[in-house]
C-alpha atoms as a PDB file:
ATOM      1  CA  MET A   1     -15.117   6.644   0.312  1.00  0.00           C
ATOM      2  CA  ASP A   2     -15.574  10.386   0.191  1.00  0.00           C
ATOM      3  CA  THR A   3     -12.302  11.688  -1.235  1.00  0.00           C
ATOM      4  CA  ARG A   4     -12.703  15.179   0.265  1.00  0.00           C
ATOM      5  CA  GLY A   5     -12.635  16.589   3.773  1.00  0.00           C
ATOM      6  CA  ASN A   6     -10.691  13.770   5.433  1.00  0.00           C
ATOM      7  CA  THR A   7      -7.634  13.746   7.626  1.00  0.00           C
ATOM      8  CA  VAL A   8      -5.372  11.059   6.187  1.00  0.00           C
ATOM      9  CA  PHE A   9      -2.202   9.444   7.497  1.00  0.00           C
ATOM     10  CA  ILE A  10       0.091   7.777   4.948  1.00  0.00           C
ATOM     11  CA  PRO A  11       3.271   6.182   6.293  1.00  0.00           C
ATOM     12  CA  GLY A  12       5.813   5.340   3.623  1.00  0.00           C
ATOM     13  CA  ALA A  13       4.802   8.403   1.612  1.00  0.00           C
ATOM     14  CA  THR A  14       8.137  10.066   0.917  1.00  0.00           C
ATOM     15  CA  SER A  15       8.277   8.658  -2.625  1.00  0.00           C
ATOM     16  CA  GLY A  16       6.500   6.439  -5.116  1.00  0.00           C
ATOM     17  CA  ILE A  17       2.836   5.515  -4.798  1.00  0.00           C
ATOM     18  CA  GLY A  18       2.518   6.915  -1.279  1.00  0.00           C
ATOM     19  CA  LEU A  19       3.729  10.374  -2.226  1.00  0.00           C
ATOM     20  CA  ALA A  20       1.705  10.432  -5.461  1.00  0.00           C
ATOM     21  CA  LEU A  21      -1.482   9.623  -3.544  1.00  0.00           C
ATOM     22  CA  ALA A  22      -0.628  12.131  -0.804  1.00  0.00           C
ATOM     23  CA  LEU A  23      -0.319  14.937  -3.341  1.00  0.00           C
ATOM     24  CA  ARG A  24      -3.610  14.081  -5.012  1.00  0.00           C
ATOM     25  CA  LEU A  25      -5.528  13.667  -1.770  1.00  0.00           C
ATOM     26  CA  GLN A  26      -4.207  16.998  -0.534  1.00  0.00           C
ATOM     27  CA  ALA A  27      -5.216  18.680  -3.811  1.00  0.00           C
ATOM     28  CA  ALA A  28      -8.692  17.141  -3.468  1.00  0.00           C
ATOM     29  CA  GLY A  29      -9.247  18.948  -0.153  1.00  0.00           C
ATOM     30  CA  ASN A  30      -7.913  16.594   2.499  1.00  0.00           C
ATOM     31  CA  THR A  31      -5.479  17.173   5.340  1.00  0.00           C
ATOM     32  CA  VAL A  32      -2.623  14.767   4.703  1.00  0.00           C
ATOM     33  CA  VAL A  33       0.005  13.620   7.183  1.00  0.00           C
ATOM     34  CA  ILE A  34       2.904  11.689   5.687  1.00  0.00           C
ATOM     35  CA  GLY A  35       5.435   9.464   7.396  1.00  0.00           C
ATOM     36  CA  GLY A  36       8.833   8.058   6.559  1.00  0.00           C
ATOM     37  CA  ARG A  37      12.194   7.167   8.020  1.00  0.00           C
ATOM     38  CA  ARG A  38      14.326   9.975   6.595  1.00  0.00           C
ATOM     39  CA  THR A  39      13.820  13.233   8.459  1.00  0.00           C
ATOM     40  CA  ASP A  40      15.620  15.279   5.796  1.00  0.00           C
ATOM     41  CA  VAL A  41      13.215  14.095   3.100  1.00  0.00           C
ATOM     42  CA  LEU A  42      10.239  14.698   5.391  1.00  0.00           C
ATOM     43  CA  ALA A  43      11.447  18.245   6.073  1.00  0.00           C
ATOM     44  CA  GLN A  44      11.818  18.912   2.354  1.00  0.00           C
ATOM     45  CA  LEU A  45       8.317  17.620   1.573  1.00  0.00           C
ATOM     46  CA  ARG A  46       6.872  19.610   4.458  1.00  0.00           C
ATOM     47  CA  ALA A  47       8.473  22.784   3.093  1.00  0.00           C
ATOM     48  CA  GLU A  48       7.496  22.111  -0.521  1.00  0.00           C
ATOM     49  CA  HIS A  49       3.951  20.830  -0.046  1.00  0.00           C
ATOM     50  CA  ARG A  50       2.961  21.848   3.498  1.00  0.00           C
ATOM     51  CA  PHE A  51       2.306  18.297   4.588  1.00  0.00           C
ATOM     52  CA  ASP A  52       2.346  17.532   8.262  1.00  0.00           C
ATOM     53  CA  THR A  53       5.046  14.926   8.775  1.00  0.00           C
ATOM     54  CA  VAL A  54       6.112  12.308  11.297  1.00  0.00           C
ATOM     55  CA  ARG A  55       9.116  10.033  11.423  1.00  0.00           C
ATOM     56  CA  ILE A  56       8.108   6.375  11.336  1.00  0.00           C
ATOM     57  CA  ASP A  57       9.798   3.066  10.609  1.00  0.00           C
ATOM     58  CA  THR A  58       7.017   0.615   9.804  1.00  0.00           C
ATOM     59  CA  ALA A  59       9.308  -2.335  10.595  1.00  0.00           C
ATOM     60  CA  ASP A  60       9.762  -1.087  14.178  1.00  0.00           C
ATOM     61  CA  PRO A  61       6.832  -1.627  16.596  1.00  0.00           C
ATOM     62  CA  GLU A  62       7.944   1.129  18.977  1.00  0.00           C
ATOM     63  CA  SER A  63       8.323   3.616  16.125  1.00  0.00           C
ATOM     64  CA  ILE A  64       4.770   2.828  15.018  1.00  0.00           C
ATOM     65  CA  ARG A  65       3.414   3.366  18.528  1.00  0.00           C
ATOM     66  CA  GLN A  66       5.236   6.675  18.926  1.00  0.00           C
ATOM     67  CA  ALA A  67       4.168   7.920  15.510  1.00  0.00           C
ATOM     68  CA  ALA A  68       0.544   6.949  16.130  1.00  0.00           C
ATOM     69  CA  ASP A  69       0.496   8.828  19.430  1.00  0.00           C
ATOM     70  CA  GLU A  70       2.020  11.883  17.759  1.00  0.00           C
ATOM     71  CA  VAL A  71      -0.342  11.880  14.784  1.00  0.00           C
ATOM     72  CA  ILE A  72      -3.487  11.338  16.860  1.00  0.00           C
ATOM     73  CA  ALA A  73      -2.500  14.025  19.364  1.00  0.00           C
ATOM     74  CA  ALA A  74      -1.922  16.545  16.568  1.00  0.00           C
ATOM     75  CA  HIS A  75      -4.941  15.430  14.496  1.00  0.00           C
ATOM     76  CA  PRO A  76      -7.759  14.165  16.705  1.00  0.00           C
ATOM     77  CA  ASP A  77     -10.045  14.194  13.661  1.00  0.00           C
ATOM     78  CA  LEU A  78      -7.903  11.642  11.806  1.00  0.00           C
ATOM     79  CA  ASN A  79     -10.256   9.295   9.959  1.00  0.00           C
ATOM     80  CA  VAL A  80      -8.278   7.593   7.165  1.00  0.00           C
ATOM     81  CA  LEU A  81      -5.214   5.362   7.426  1.00  0.00           C
ATOM     82  CA  ILE A  82      -3.451   4.216   4.264  1.00  0.00           C
ATOM     83  CA  ALA A  83      -1.295   1.338   5.497  1.00  0.00           C
ATOM     84  CA  MET A  84       1.434   1.896   2.931  1.00  0.00           C
ATOM     85  CA  ALA A  85       4.320  -0.368   3.947  1.00  0.00           C
ATOM     86  CA  GLY A  86       6.215  -2.485   1.459  1.00  0.00           C
ATOM     87  CA  ILE A  87       9.608  -3.604   0.225  1.00  0.00           C
ATOM     88  CA  MET A  88      10.377  -6.055  -2.571  1.00  0.00           C
ATOM     89  CA  ARG A  89      13.449  -8.259  -2.929  1.00  0.00           C
ATOM     90  CA  ILE A  90      14.398 -10.829  -5.555  1.00  0.00           C
ATOM     91  CA  GLU A  91      15.086 -14.234  -3.976  1.00  0.00           C
ATOM     92  CA  ASP A  92      16.658 -17.504  -5.063  1.00  0.00           C
ATOM     93  CA  TRP A  93      15.212 -20.365  -3.012  1.00  0.00           C
ATOM     94  CA  ARG A  94      17.725 -22.860  -4.412  1.00  0.00           C
ATOM     95  CA  ASN A  95      20.008 -21.860  -1.539  1.00  0.00           C
ATOM     96  CA  ALA A  96      19.476 -20.396   1.925  1.00  0.00           C
ATOM     97  CA  ASP A  97      20.781 -16.895   1.211  1.00  0.00           C
ATOM     98  CA  PHE A  98      17.238 -15.567   0.767  1.00  0.00           C
ATOM     99  CA  VAL A  99      16.192 -15.935   4.414  1.00  0.00           C
ATOM    100  CA  ALA A 100      17.306 -12.513   5.679  1.00  0.00           C
ATOM    101  CA  ASP A 101      15.466 -10.748   2.845  1.00  0.00           C
ATOM    102  CA  ALA A 102      12.396 -12.909   3.411  1.00  0.00           C
ATOM    103  CA  GLU A 103      12.297 -12.041   7.105  1.00  0.00           C
ATOM    104  CA  GLN A 104      12.661  -8.344   6.349  1.00  0.00           C
ATOM    105  CA  MET A 105       9.779  -8.459   3.864  1.00  0.00           C
ATOM    106  CA  VAL A 106       7.514 -10.246   6.334  1.00  0.00           C
ATOM    107  CA  ALA A 107       8.376  -7.692   9.031  1.00  0.00           C
ATOM    108  CA  THR A 108       7.723  -4.720   6.746  1.00  0.00           C
ATOM    109  CA  ASN A 109       4.999  -5.878   4.378  1.00  0.00           C
ATOM    110  CA  LEU A 110       2.855  -7.902   6.775  1.00  0.00           C
ATOM    111  CA  LEU A 111       3.690  -7.077  10.386  1.00  0.00           C
ATOM    112  CA  GLY A 112       4.002  -3.387   9.489  1.00  0.00           C
ATOM    113  CA  PRO A 113       0.389  -3.002   8.293  1.00  0.00           C
ATOM    114  CA  ILE A 114      -0.887  -5.220  11.132  1.00  0.00           C
ATOM    115  CA  ARG A 115       0.807  -2.998  13.717  1.00  0.00           C
ATOM    116  CA  LEU A 116      -0.265   0.184  11.945  1.00  0.00           C
ATOM    117  CA  ILE A 117      -3.902  -0.875  11.884  1.00  0.00           C
ATOM    118  CA  ALA A 118      -3.751  -1.950  15.529  1.00  0.00           C
ATOM    119  CA  ALA A 119      -2.299   1.427  16.512  1.00  0.00           C
ATOM    120  CA  PHE A 120      -5.119   3.363  14.836  1.00  0.00           C
ATOM    121  CA  THR A 121      -8.181   1.106  15.235  1.00  0.00           C
ATOM    122  CA  ALA A 122      -9.559   2.830  18.340  1.00  0.00           C
ATOM    123  CA  GLN A 123      -9.081   6.274  16.797  1.00  0.00           C
ATOM    124  CA  LEU A 124     -10.790   5.303  13.564  1.00  0.00           C
ATOM    125  CA  GLN A 125     -13.744   3.643  15.287  1.00  0.00           C
ATOM    126  CA  ALA A 126     -14.320   6.874  17.200  1.00  0.00           C
ATOM    127  CA  ARG A 127     -14.848   8.800  13.961  1.00  0.00           C
ATOM    128  CA  PRO A 128     -18.288   8.779  12.305  1.00  0.00           C
ATOM    129  CA  ASP A 129     -16.906   8.006   8.841  1.00  0.00           C
ATOM    130  CA  ALA A 130     -13.527   6.304   8.643  1.00  0.00           C
ATOM    131  CA  ALA A 131     -11.484   4.068   6.376  1.00  0.00           C
ATOM    132  CA  ILE A 132      -8.487   1.771   6.408  1.00  0.00           C
ATOM    133  CA  ILE A 133      -6.862   1.415   3.005  1.00  0.00           C
ATOM    134  CA  THR A 134      -4.551  -1.569   2.695  1.00  0.00           C
ATOM    135  CA  VAL A 135      -2.107  -2.016  -0.166  1.00  0.00           C
ATOM    136  CA  SER A 136      -1.698  -5.477  -1.664  1.00  0.00           C
ATOM    137  CA  SER A 137      -0.571  -6.269  -5.230  1.00  0.00           C
ATOM    138  CA  GLY A 138      -1.574  -8.048  -8.399  1.00  0.00           C
ATOM    139  CA  LEU A 139       1.119 -10.527  -7.360  1.00  0.00           C
ATOM    140  CA  ALA A 140      -1.148 -11.590  -4.510  1.00  0.00           C
ATOM    141  CA  HIS A 141      -3.156 -13.384  -7.197  1.00  0.00           C
ATOM    142  CA  THR A 142      -0.594 -14.297  -9.865  1.00  0.00           C
ATOM    143  CA  PRO A 143       2.950 -15.095  -8.670  1.00  0.00           C
ATOM    144  CA  LEU A 144       6.172 -13.706 -10.056  1.00  0.00           C
ATOM    145  CA  ALA A 145       8.707 -16.526  -9.760  1.00  0.00           C
ATOM    146  CA  VAL A 146      11.608 -14.428  -8.476  1.00  0.00           C
ATOM    147  CA  THR A 147       9.718 -12.761  -5.601  1.00  0.00           C
ATOM    148  CA  PRO A 148       8.133 -15.596  -3.577  1.00  0.00           C
ATOM    149  CA  THR A 149       8.044 -13.904  -0.174  1.00  0.00           C
ATOM    150  CA  TYR A 150       6.801 -10.609  -1.569  1.00  0.00           C
ATOM    151  CA  ASN A 151       3.989 -12.466  -3.356  1.00  0.00           C
ATOM    152  CA  ALA A 152       3.113 -14.283  -0.137  1.00  0.00           C
ATOM    153  CA  THR A 153       3.041 -11.139   2.008  1.00  0.00           C
ATOM    154  CA  LYS A 154       0.727  -9.427  -0.449  1.00  0.00           C
ATOM    155  CA  ALA A 155      -1.555 -12.470  -0.598  1.00  0.00           C
ATOM    156  CA  ALA A 156      -1.680 -12.266   3.200  1.00  0.00           C
ATOM    157  CA  ILE A 157      -2.620  -8.577   2.997  1.00  0.00           C
ATOM    158  CA  HIS A 158      -5.468  -9.509   0.645  1.00  0.00           C
ATOM    159  CA  GLN A 159      -6.885 -12.047   3.095  1.00  0.00           C
ATOM    160  CA  LEU A 160      -6.249  -9.739   6.030  1.00  0.00           C
ATOM    161  CA  SER A 161      -8.279  -7.050   4.281  1.00  0.00           C
ATOM    162  CA  GLU A 162     -11.109  -9.457   3.567  1.00  0.00           C
ATOM    163  CA  SER A 163     -11.151 -10.655   7.168  1.00  0.00           C
ATOM    164  CA  ILE A 164     -10.941  -7.374   9.062  1.00  0.00           C
ATOM    165  CA  ARG A 165     -13.615  -5.961   6.767  1.00  0.00           C
ATOM    166  CA  LEU A 166     -15.934  -8.619   8.179  1.00  0.00           C
ATOM    167  CA  GLN A 167     -14.949  -7.862  11.765  1.00  0.00           C
ATOM    168  CA  LEU A 168     -15.386  -4.109  11.347  1.00  0.00           C
ATOM    169  CA  SER A 169     -18.634  -4.340   9.380  1.00  0.00           C
ATOM    170  CA  ASP A 170     -20.670  -3.134  12.364  1.00  0.00           C
ATOM    171  CA  THR A 171     -18.432  -0.100  12.942  1.00  0.00           C
ATOM    172  CA  SER A 172     -17.916   3.205  11.152  1.00  0.00           C
ATOM    173  CA  VAL A 173     -14.676   1.926   9.588  1.00  0.00           C
ATOM    174  CA  ARG A 174     -14.596   0.777   5.972  1.00  0.00           C
ATOM    175  CA  VAL A 175     -11.763  -1.448   4.744  1.00  0.00           C
ATOM    176  CA  ILE A 176     -10.612  -0.811   1.179  1.00  0.00           C
ATOM    177  CA  GLU A 177      -7.894  -2.815  -0.547  1.00  0.00           C
ATOM    178  CA  LEU A 178      -5.754  -1.033  -3.121  1.00  0.00           C
ATOM    179  CA  VAL A 179      -4.326  -3.565  -5.588  1.00  0.00           C
ATOM    180  CA  PRO A 180      -1.512  -2.070  -7.683  1.00  0.00           C
ATOM    181  CA  PRO A 181       0.022  -3.632 -10.776  1.00  0.00           C
ATOM    182  CA  ALA A 182       3.700  -3.040 -11.511  1.00  0.00           C
ATOM    183  CA  VAL A 183       4.049   0.747 -11.246  1.00  0.00           C
ATOM    184  CA  ALA A 184       7.013   2.831 -12.385  1.00  0.00           C
ATOM    185  CA  THR A 185       8.644   3.320  -8.983  1.00  0.00           C
ATOM    186  CA  GLU A 186      11.925   2.139  -7.467  1.00  0.00           C
ATOM    187  CA  LEU A 187      10.314  -0.764  -5.607  1.00  0.00           C
ATOM    188  CA  LEU A 188      12.868  -2.864  -7.492  1.00  0.00           C
ATOM    189  CA  PRO A 189      15.995  -1.398  -9.097  1.00  0.00           C
ATOM    190  CA  GLY A 190      15.177  -0.370 -12.651  1.00  0.00           C
ATOM    191  CA  GLN A 191      11.425  -0.746 -12.246  1.00  0.00           C
ATOM    192  CA  SER A 192      10.840   2.966 -12.869  1.00  0.00           C
ATOM    193  CA  GLU A 193      12.224   2.470 -16.403  1.00  0.00           C
ATOM    194  CA  SER A 194      10.444  -0.798 -17.141  1.00  0.00           C
ATOM    195  CA  PRO A 195       8.185  -0.758 -20.230  1.00  0.00           C
ATOM    196  CA  PHE A 196       5.903  -3.165 -18.367  1.00  0.00           C
ATOM    197  CA  ALA A 197       5.324  -0.794 -15.423  1.00  0.00           C
ATOM    198  CA  MET A 198       2.318   1.547 -15.349  1.00  0.00           C
ATOM    199  CA  PRO A 199       3.356   5.226 -15.230  1.00  0.00           C
ATOM    200  CA  LEU A 200       3.107   6.471 -11.659  1.00  0.00           C
ATOM    201  CA  ASP A 201       0.984   9.518 -12.453  1.00  0.00           C
ATOM    202  CA  ASP A 202      -1.450   7.416 -14.473  1.00  0.00           C
ATOM    203  CA  PHE A 203      -1.784   4.942 -11.623  1.00  0.00           C
ATOM    204  CA  ALA A 204      -2.343   7.632  -8.983  1.00  0.00           C
ATOM    205  CA  ASP A 205      -4.868   9.529 -11.132  1.00  0.00           C
ATOM    206  CA  GLU A 206      -6.873   6.393 -11.910  1.00  0.00           C
ATOM    207  CA  THR A 207      -6.762   5.282  -8.277  1.00  0.00           C
ATOM    208  CA  LEU A 208      -8.115   8.568  -6.977  1.00  0.00           C
ATOM    209  CA  ALA A 209     -10.839   8.561  -9.633  1.00  0.00           C
ATOM    210  CA  LEU A 210     -11.880   5.042  -8.610  1.00  0.00           C
ATOM    211  CA  LEU A 211     -11.970   5.993  -4.926  1.00  0.00           C
ATOM    212  CA  ARG A 212     -14.165   8.955  -5.832  1.00  0.00           C
ATOM    213  CA  ASP A 213     -16.449   7.223  -8.329  1.00  0.00           C
ATOM    214  CA  GLN A 214     -16.818   3.861  -6.550  1.00  0.00           C
ATOM    215  CA  PRO A 215     -17.518   4.900  -2.950  1.00  0.00           C
ATOM    216  CA  ASP A 216     -18.660   1.421  -1.927  1.00  0.00           C
ATOM    217  CA  ALA A 217     -15.831  -0.546  -3.561  1.00  0.00           C
ATOM    218  CA  HIS A 218     -13.972  -3.090  -1.459  1.00  0.00           C
ATOM    219  CA  GLU A 219     -11.109  -3.307  -3.943  1.00  0.00           C
ATOM    220  CA  ILE A 220      -9.568  -0.538  -6.014  1.00  0.00           C
ATOM    221  CA  LEU A 221      -8.486  -2.122  -9.290  1.00  0.00           C
ATOM    222  CA  VAL A 222      -6.963  -0.043 -12.070  1.00  0.00           C
ATOM    223  CA  GLU A 223      -7.395  -1.597 -15.489  1.00  0.00           C
ATOM    224  CA  ASN A 224      -3.743  -2.650 -15.677  1.00  0.00           C
ATOM    225  CA  VAL A 225      -4.030  -5.001 -12.693  1.00  0.00           C
ATOM    226  CA  LYS A 226      -7.127  -6.903 -13.781  1.00  0.00           C
ATOM    227  CA  PHE A 227      -5.114  -9.310 -15.934  1.00  0.00           C
ATOM    228  CA  LEU A 228      -3.338 -10.521 -12.781  1.00  0.00           C
ATOM    229  CA  ARG A 229      -6.282 -10.189 -10.408  1.00  0.00           C
ATOM    230  CA  PHE A 230      -8.784 -12.276 -12.360  1.00  0.00           C
ATOM    231  CA  GLY A 231      -6.790 -15.114 -13.918  1.00  0.00           C
ATOM    232  CA  GLU A 232      -8.562 -17.731 -11.808  1.00  0.00           C
ATOM    233  CA  VAL A 233     -11.940 -16.098 -12.398  1.00  0.00           C
ATOM    234  CA  ARG A 234     -11.394 -16.122 -16.159  1.00  0.00           C
ATOM    235  CA  GLY A 235     -10.222 -19.730 -16.023  1.00  0.00           C
ATOM    236  CA  ASP A 236      -6.821 -18.989 -17.562  1.00  0.00           C
ATOM    237  CA  TYR A 237      -4.724 -18.789 -14.393  1.00  0.00           C
ATOM    238  CA  ALA A 238      -1.977 -21.152 -15.612  1.00  0.00           C
ATOM    239  CA  GLN A 239      -1.506 -19.159 -18.803  1.00  0.00           C
ATOM    240  CA  THR A 240      -1.556 -15.904 -16.848  1.00  0.00           C
ATOM    241  CA  VAL A 241       1.308 -17.180 -14.687  1.00  0.00           C
ATOM    242  CA  VAL A 242       3.290 -18.184 -17.780  1.00  0.00           C
ATOM    243  CA  THR A 243       2.649 -14.846 -19.486  1.00  0.00           C
ATOM    244  CA  LEU A 244       3.649 -12.779 -16.452  1.00  0.00           C
ATOM    245  CA  ASN A 245       6.879 -14.680 -15.974  1.00  0.00           C
ATOM    246  CA  ARG A 246       7.787 -14.380 -19.649  1.00  0.00           C
ATOM    247  CA  LEU A 247       7.070 -10.645 -19.834  1.00  0.00           C
ATOM    248  CA  ASP A 248       8.592  -9.408 -16.607  1.00  0.00           C
ATOM    249  CA  PRO A 249      12.300  -8.601 -17.070  1.00  0.00           C
ATOM    250  CA  HIS A 250      13.054  -9.802 -13.527  1.00  0.00           C
ATOM    251  CA  ALA A 251      11.578 -13.254 -14.165  1.00  0.00           C
ATOM    252  CA  ALA A 252      14.820 -14.458 -15.706  1.00  0.00           C
ATOM    253  CA  ALA A 253      16.980 -13.075 -12.896  1.00  0.00           C
END
């Protein structure tokens, strides 16, 4: 992927990984449109960084449709979608109290990206050089015991990415899967202070460098995620699962 001269839409970019990538892509010479639910935060980011902004709730199909229409009308040259949509909840499957959280994660983490991609597929195929960037997780490949539904949604995003890449192989649209490790954000309470989480700036810098230096990559893998990504390939998957669930402070929750 050429990391310059694009028009990029990033929903879920008012904080964390989305905002960090938005800032770096803008600095690299791209037009960046960011989306989020909170209009006050969007207004602040627009004033501070001169992003174009749009209100969007990636768990709401109608909000996605409206935002897509607005973004495409304002930016007919849009050629990159980063389907940034994710929430993470700790669950205890020994009782039924987890179901509401599980349903919310499926709606946001899986149906959100599906609906986002559907809303922008025609636009992207009309551009001569376009990309869809999905966001999965190292937990798609090595499970954290306390987040079963989150793990499952990210595993689904991995297979979705693999599959739509095949379907779009004869179009101008490339499908790139970004696979984060634990990053110092507020995805879970306290995660930003976790000694096991990769610093956000380090993650965003390495990600942008990989996008720039590996233009044909299907997966963007920072070094910190390879331990989780390749357990089965290395042949030490069982030990990788044990190690992750011993190290992560949420594993004992």
